[in-house]
N, C-alpha and C. Protein backbone atom coordinates (compact mmCIF):
# COMPACT_ATOMS: atom_id res chain seq x y z
N UNK A 1 100.07 85.87 77.55
CA UNK A 1 99.60 87.19 77.95
C UNK A 1 100.50 88.23 77.28
N UNK A 2 99.91 89.21 76.62
CA UNK A 2 100.73 90.26 75.99
C UNK A 2 101.56 91.02 77.03
N UNK A 3 102.70 91.54 76.60
CA UNK A 3 103.62 92.25 77.49
C UNK A 3 102.94 93.41 78.20
N UNK A 4 102.04 94.11 77.52
CA UNK A 4 101.42 95.29 78.12
C UNK A 4 100.47 94.90 79.24
N UNK A 5 99.91 93.69 79.19
CA UNK A 5 99.06 93.24 80.29
C UNK A 5 99.90 92.97 81.54
N UNK A 6 101.04 92.32 81.32
CA UNK A 6 101.95 92.06 82.44
C UNK A 6 102.44 93.37 83.04
N UNK A 7 102.76 94.33 82.18
CA UNK A 7 103.23 95.63 82.65
C UNK A 7 102.14 96.35 83.45
N UNK A 8 100.91 96.30 82.98
CA UNK A 8 99.79 96.94 83.68
C UNK A 8 99.59 96.33 85.06
N UNK A 9 99.56 95.01 85.12
CA UNK A 9 99.37 94.34 86.40
C UNK A 9 100.53 94.61 87.35
N UNK A 10 101.74 94.54 86.81
CA UNK A 10 102.93 94.82 87.62
C UNK A 10 102.91 96.25 88.15
N UNK A 11 102.53 97.21 87.31
CA UNK A 11 102.48 98.62 87.74
C UNK A 11 101.47 98.82 88.85
N UNK A 12 100.31 98.14 88.76
CA UNK A 12 99.31 98.27 89.82
C UNK A 12 99.85 97.73 91.14
N UNK A 13 100.42 96.53 91.11
CA UNK A 13 100.94 95.91 92.33
C UNK A 13 102.07 96.76 92.91
N UNK A 14 103.00 97.17 92.07
CA UNK A 14 104.13 97.99 92.53
C UNK A 14 103.64 99.31 93.13
N UNK A 15 102.69 99.95 92.48
CA UNK A 15 102.15 101.20 93.01
C UNK A 15 101.52 101.03 94.37
N UNK A 16 100.79 99.94 94.55
CA UNK A 16 100.15 99.69 95.84
C UNK A 16 101.21 99.44 96.92
N UNK A 17 102.19 98.62 96.61
CA UNK A 17 103.25 98.31 97.57
C UNK A 17 104.02 99.58 97.93
N UNK A 18 104.38 100.39 96.94
CA UNK A 18 105.12 101.62 97.23
C UNK A 18 104.31 102.59 98.07
N UNK A 19 102.98 102.63 97.85
CA UNK A 19 102.13 103.46 98.68
C UNK A 19 102.14 103.02 100.13
N UNK A 20 102.06 101.72 100.34
CA UNK A 20 102.12 101.20 101.72
C UNK A 20 103.47 101.48 102.36
N UNK A 21 104.55 101.27 101.60
CA UNK A 21 105.88 101.54 102.14
C UNK A 21 106.06 103.03 102.46
N UNK A 22 105.51 103.88 101.61
CA UNK A 22 105.58 105.32 101.87
C UNK A 22 104.85 105.70 103.15
N UNK A 23 103.69 105.12 103.36
CA UNK A 23 102.94 105.37 104.61
C UNK A 23 103.75 104.91 105.82
N UNK A 24 104.34 103.73 105.71
CA UNK A 24 105.12 103.20 106.83
C UNK A 24 106.33 104.07 107.12
N UNK A 25 106.99 104.55 106.07
CA UNK A 25 108.15 105.41 106.26
C UNK A 25 107.75 106.76 106.87
N UNK A 26 106.64 107.31 106.42
CA UNK A 26 106.17 108.58 106.99
C UNK A 26 105.84 108.41 108.47
N UNK A 27 105.23 107.29 108.81
CA UNK A 27 104.92 107.02 110.22
C UNK A 27 106.21 106.89 111.02
N UNK A 28 107.18 106.17 110.49
CA UNK A 28 108.46 105.98 111.18
C UNK A 28 109.13 107.32 111.43
N UNK A 29 109.15 108.18 110.41
CA UNK A 29 109.80 109.49 110.56
C UNK A 29 109.07 110.40 111.54
N UNK A 30 107.77 110.20 111.68
CA UNK A 30 107.01 111.04 112.60
C UNK A 30 107.22 110.65 114.05
N UNK A 31 107.72 109.43 114.27
CA UNK A 31 107.90 108.95 115.64
C UNK A 31 106.63 108.33 116.20
N UNK A 32 105.58 108.28 115.42
CA UNK A 32 104.32 107.70 115.86
C UNK A 32 104.23 106.25 115.40
N UNK A 33 103.35 105.50 116.05
CA UNK A 33 103.06 104.16 115.53
C UNK A 33 102.29 104.34 114.22
N UNK A 34 102.23 103.30 113.42
CA UNK A 34 101.51 103.40 112.15
C UNK A 34 100.05 103.76 112.40
N UNK A 35 99.44 103.14 113.41
CA UNK A 35 98.03 103.42 113.72
C UNK A 35 97.84 104.88 114.14
N UNK A 36 98.76 105.40 114.96
CA UNK A 36 98.68 106.80 115.38
C UNK A 36 98.85 107.73 114.19
N UNK A 37 99.77 107.40 113.30
CA UNK A 37 100.02 108.23 112.13
C UNK A 37 98.79 108.27 111.22
N UNK A 38 98.18 107.10 110.99
CA UNK A 38 96.98 107.04 110.16
C UNK A 38 95.87 107.87 110.78
N UNK A 39 95.72 107.77 112.10
CA UNK A 39 94.69 108.55 112.79
C UNK A 39 94.97 110.04 112.66
N UNK A 40 96.22 110.44 112.79
CA UNK A 40 96.59 111.84 112.65
C UNK A 40 96.28 112.35 111.23
N UNK A 41 96.55 111.53 110.22
CA UNK A 41 96.26 111.93 108.84
C UNK A 41 94.77 112.12 108.64
N UNK A 42 93.98 111.33 109.36
CA UNK A 42 92.53 111.42 109.26
C UNK A 42 91.98 112.75 109.75
N UNK A 43 92.76 113.48 110.54
CA UNK A 43 92.31 114.78 111.06
C UNK A 43 92.21 115.82 109.95
N UNK A 44 92.89 115.61 108.83
CA UNK A 44 92.84 116.58 107.74
C UNK A 44 91.51 116.52 106.99
N UNK A 45 90.89 115.35 106.98
CA UNK A 45 89.62 115.19 106.27
C UNK A 45 88.56 116.17 106.72
N UNK A 46 88.25 116.23 108.02
CA UNK A 46 87.23 117.17 108.48
C UNK A 46 87.57 118.64 108.17
N UNK A 47 88.85 118.99 108.22
CA UNK A 47 89.26 120.35 107.91
C UNK A 47 88.92 120.67 106.44
N UNK A 48 89.24 119.75 105.57
CA UNK A 48 88.95 119.96 104.15
C UNK A 48 87.44 119.98 103.92
N UNK A 49 86.72 119.05 104.55
CA UNK A 49 85.27 118.96 104.37
C UNK A 49 84.57 120.22 104.88
N UNK A 50 85.00 120.70 106.04
CA UNK A 50 84.36 121.87 106.65
C UNK A 50 84.63 123.16 105.89
N UNK A 51 85.63 123.15 105.02
CA UNK A 51 85.93 124.36 104.25
C UNK A 51 84.83 124.66 103.23
N UNK A 52 84.11 123.62 102.81
CA UNK A 52 83.06 123.79 101.81
C UNK A 52 83.59 123.94 100.40
N UNK A 53 84.90 123.86 100.22
CA UNK A 53 85.51 124.06 98.91
C UNK A 53 85.53 122.79 98.05
N UNK A 54 85.32 121.65 98.67
CA UNK A 54 85.45 120.38 97.96
C UNK A 54 84.25 119.48 98.21
N UNK A 55 83.09 119.82 97.64
CA UNK A 55 81.88 119.03 97.90
C UNK A 55 81.97 117.59 97.41
N UNK A 56 82.64 117.34 96.30
CA UNK A 56 82.76 115.96 95.81
C UNK A 56 83.62 115.13 96.77
N UNK A 57 84.74 115.70 97.21
CA UNK A 57 85.59 115.02 98.18
C UNK A 57 84.78 114.71 99.44
N UNK A 58 84.01 115.69 99.90
CA UNK A 58 83.20 115.51 101.11
C UNK A 58 82.23 114.35 100.93
N UNK A 59 81.55 114.30 99.79
CA UNK A 59 80.59 113.21 99.56
C UNK A 59 81.28 111.85 99.53
N UNK A 60 82.42 111.78 98.87
CA UNK A 60 83.15 110.52 98.79
C UNK A 60 83.57 110.05 100.18
N UNK A 61 84.09 110.94 100.98
CA UNK A 61 84.55 110.57 102.32
C UNK A 61 83.38 110.12 103.19
N UNK A 62 82.26 110.82 103.12
CA UNK A 62 81.09 110.45 103.93
C UNK A 62 80.55 109.09 103.52
N UNK A 63 80.50 108.84 102.21
CA UNK A 63 79.91 107.60 101.72
C UNK A 63 80.88 106.42 101.73
N UNK A 64 82.15 106.69 101.85
CA UNK A 64 83.16 105.63 101.75
C UNK A 64 83.19 104.77 102.99
N UNK A 65 83.38 103.48 102.77
CA UNK A 65 83.58 102.56 103.88
C UNK A 65 85.06 102.22 104.02
N UNK A 66 85.72 102.01 102.90
CA UNK A 66 87.09 101.51 102.93
C UNK A 66 88.05 102.41 103.71
N UNK A 67 88.04 103.75 103.55
CA UNK A 67 89.02 104.55 104.30
C UNK A 67 88.89 104.45 105.81
N UNK A 68 87.73 104.00 106.27
CA UNK A 68 87.51 103.94 107.71
C UNK A 68 87.67 102.54 108.26
N UNK A 69 87.96 101.58 107.43
CA UNK A 69 88.05 100.18 107.85
C UNK A 69 89.46 99.84 108.30
N UNK A 70 89.56 99.00 109.31
CA UNK A 70 90.89 98.59 109.73
C UNK A 70 91.62 97.78 108.65
N UNK A 71 90.87 97.15 107.76
CA UNK A 71 91.48 96.36 106.68
C UNK A 71 91.48 97.12 105.36
N UNK A 72 91.55 98.45 105.43
CA UNK A 72 91.43 99.30 104.24
C UNK A 72 92.50 99.02 103.19
N UNK A 73 93.71 98.69 103.62
CA UNK A 73 94.77 98.41 102.64
C UNK A 73 94.42 97.16 101.83
N UNK A 74 94.00 96.10 102.52
CA UNK A 74 93.65 94.86 101.82
C UNK A 74 92.44 95.06 100.93
N UNK A 75 91.42 95.74 101.46
CA UNK A 75 90.21 95.96 100.67
C UNK A 75 90.49 96.84 99.45
N UNK A 76 91.31 97.85 99.63
CA UNK A 76 91.66 98.73 98.52
C UNK A 76 92.44 97.98 97.44
N UNK A 77 93.38 97.13 97.88
CA UNK A 77 94.15 96.35 96.92
C UNK A 77 93.24 95.39 96.16
N UNK A 78 92.39 94.68 96.88
CA UNK A 78 91.50 93.71 96.23
C UNK A 78 90.54 94.39 95.25
N UNK A 79 89.97 95.51 95.65
CA UNK A 79 89.03 96.21 94.76
C UNK A 79 89.76 96.71 93.51
N UNK A 80 90.92 97.29 93.69
CA UNK A 80 91.69 97.77 92.55
C UNK A 80 92.14 96.63 91.64
N UNK A 81 92.59 95.53 92.25
CA UNK A 81 93.02 94.39 91.46
C UNK A 81 91.86 93.82 90.65
N UNK A 82 90.69 93.73 91.26
CA UNK A 82 89.51 93.26 90.52
C UNK A 82 89.27 94.11 89.29
N UNK A 83 89.37 95.42 89.44
CA UNK A 83 89.11 96.31 88.31
C UNK A 83 90.20 96.19 87.23
N UNK A 84 91.44 96.07 87.66
CA UNK A 84 92.52 95.90 86.69
C UNK A 84 92.34 94.60 85.93
N UNK A 85 92.04 93.52 86.64
CA UNK A 85 91.86 92.23 85.98
C UNK A 85 90.65 92.23 85.05
N UNK A 86 89.56 92.89 85.48
CA UNK A 86 88.39 93.01 84.60
C UNK A 86 88.74 93.76 83.32
N UNK A 87 89.52 94.83 83.47
CA UNK A 87 89.92 95.60 82.29
C UNK A 87 90.81 94.78 81.36
N UNK A 88 91.74 94.02 81.94
CA UNK A 88 92.60 93.18 81.11
C UNK A 88 91.79 92.08 80.44
N UNK A 89 90.85 91.49 81.17
CA UNK A 89 90.02 90.42 80.61
C UNK A 89 89.22 90.91 79.42
N UNK A 90 88.83 92.17 79.44
CA UNK A 90 88.05 92.72 78.33
C UNK A 90 88.86 92.75 77.03
N UNK A 91 90.18 92.64 77.13
CA UNK A 91 91.03 92.66 75.94
C UNK A 91 91.49 91.27 75.51
N UNK A 92 91.06 90.25 76.24
CA UNK A 92 91.42 88.89 75.85
C UNK A 92 90.55 88.44 74.69
N UNK A 93 91.06 87.55 73.88
CA UNK A 93 90.25 87.05 72.76
C UNK A 93 88.98 86.37 73.27
N UNK A 94 87.89 86.56 72.54
CA UNK A 94 86.61 85.98 72.91
C UNK A 94 86.67 84.48 72.69
N UNK A 95 86.12 83.74 73.62
CA UNK A 95 86.05 82.29 73.46
C UNK A 95 84.65 81.83 73.79
N UNK A 96 84.08 80.98 72.97
CA UNK A 96 82.71 80.51 73.22
C UNK A 96 82.64 79.68 74.47
N UNK A 97 83.71 78.97 74.83
CA UNK A 97 83.72 78.18 76.07
C UNK A 97 83.65 79.10 77.28
N UNK A 98 84.40 80.20 77.25
CA UNK A 98 84.36 81.14 78.36
C UNK A 98 83.00 81.80 78.46
N UNK A 99 82.42 82.15 77.33
CA UNK A 99 81.10 82.78 77.32
C UNK A 99 80.06 81.82 77.87
N UNK A 100 80.16 80.54 77.51
CA UNK A 100 79.23 79.54 78.01
C UNK A 100 79.36 79.39 79.52
N UNK A 101 80.59 79.36 80.01
CA UNK A 101 80.83 79.24 81.45
C UNK A 101 80.28 80.45 82.19
N UNK A 102 80.47 81.65 81.62
CA UNK A 102 79.97 82.86 82.27
C UNK A 102 78.45 82.89 82.29
N UNK A 103 77.82 82.50 81.19
CA UNK A 103 76.36 82.55 81.14
C UNK A 103 75.74 81.53 82.06
N UNK A 104 76.38 80.39 82.25
CA UNK A 104 75.82 79.40 83.16
C UNK A 104 75.98 79.81 84.60
N UNK A 105 77.03 80.58 84.91
CA UNK A 105 77.22 81.04 86.29
C UNK A 105 76.28 82.19 86.62
N UNK A 106 75.74 82.85 85.59
CA UNK A 106 74.80 83.95 85.82
C UNK A 106 73.35 83.47 85.85
N UNK A 107 73.14 82.22 85.57
CA UNK A 107 71.77 81.72 85.49
C UNK A 107 71.15 81.57 86.87
N UNK A 108 69.80 81.63 86.98
CA UNK A 108 69.15 81.47 88.28
C UNK A 108 69.50 80.11 88.88
N UNK A 109 69.71 80.12 90.16
CA UNK A 109 70.02 78.89 90.86
C UNK A 109 71.51 78.57 90.88
N UNK A 110 72.32 79.37 90.20
CA UNK A 110 73.75 79.09 90.23
C UNK A 110 74.31 79.58 91.56
N UNK A 111 75.48 79.10 91.89
CA UNK A 111 76.06 79.48 93.17
C UNK A 111 76.95 80.69 93.07
N UNK A 112 76.98 81.37 91.95
CA UNK A 112 77.82 82.56 91.77
C UNK A 112 77.31 83.68 92.65
N UNK A 113 78.26 84.47 93.17
CA UNK A 113 77.88 85.61 94.02
C UNK A 113 78.05 86.90 93.27
């Protein structure tokens, strides 16, 4: 694997971990439990949405499932990791064996999801 692929993957993982640690530290400093802190942060969303100044933000928040899920951290990490890995895979050398495996998994009756 080229060095830049390792760096990209490492940066994604590190960024996600630091984000979680930052949330935990902010909750600790507030004196609230992590769940209470997350709920308190959620109060800013309606204020921003009701201002009418950010229609795209409003649409994303209304349509989003992940920010409202109790497993949002895991789901966010998995979704981001999938996209990073897909992007890295697009830069790997083409192989006819891999293409054959992919085309057979996309065929009708295959068990691929």
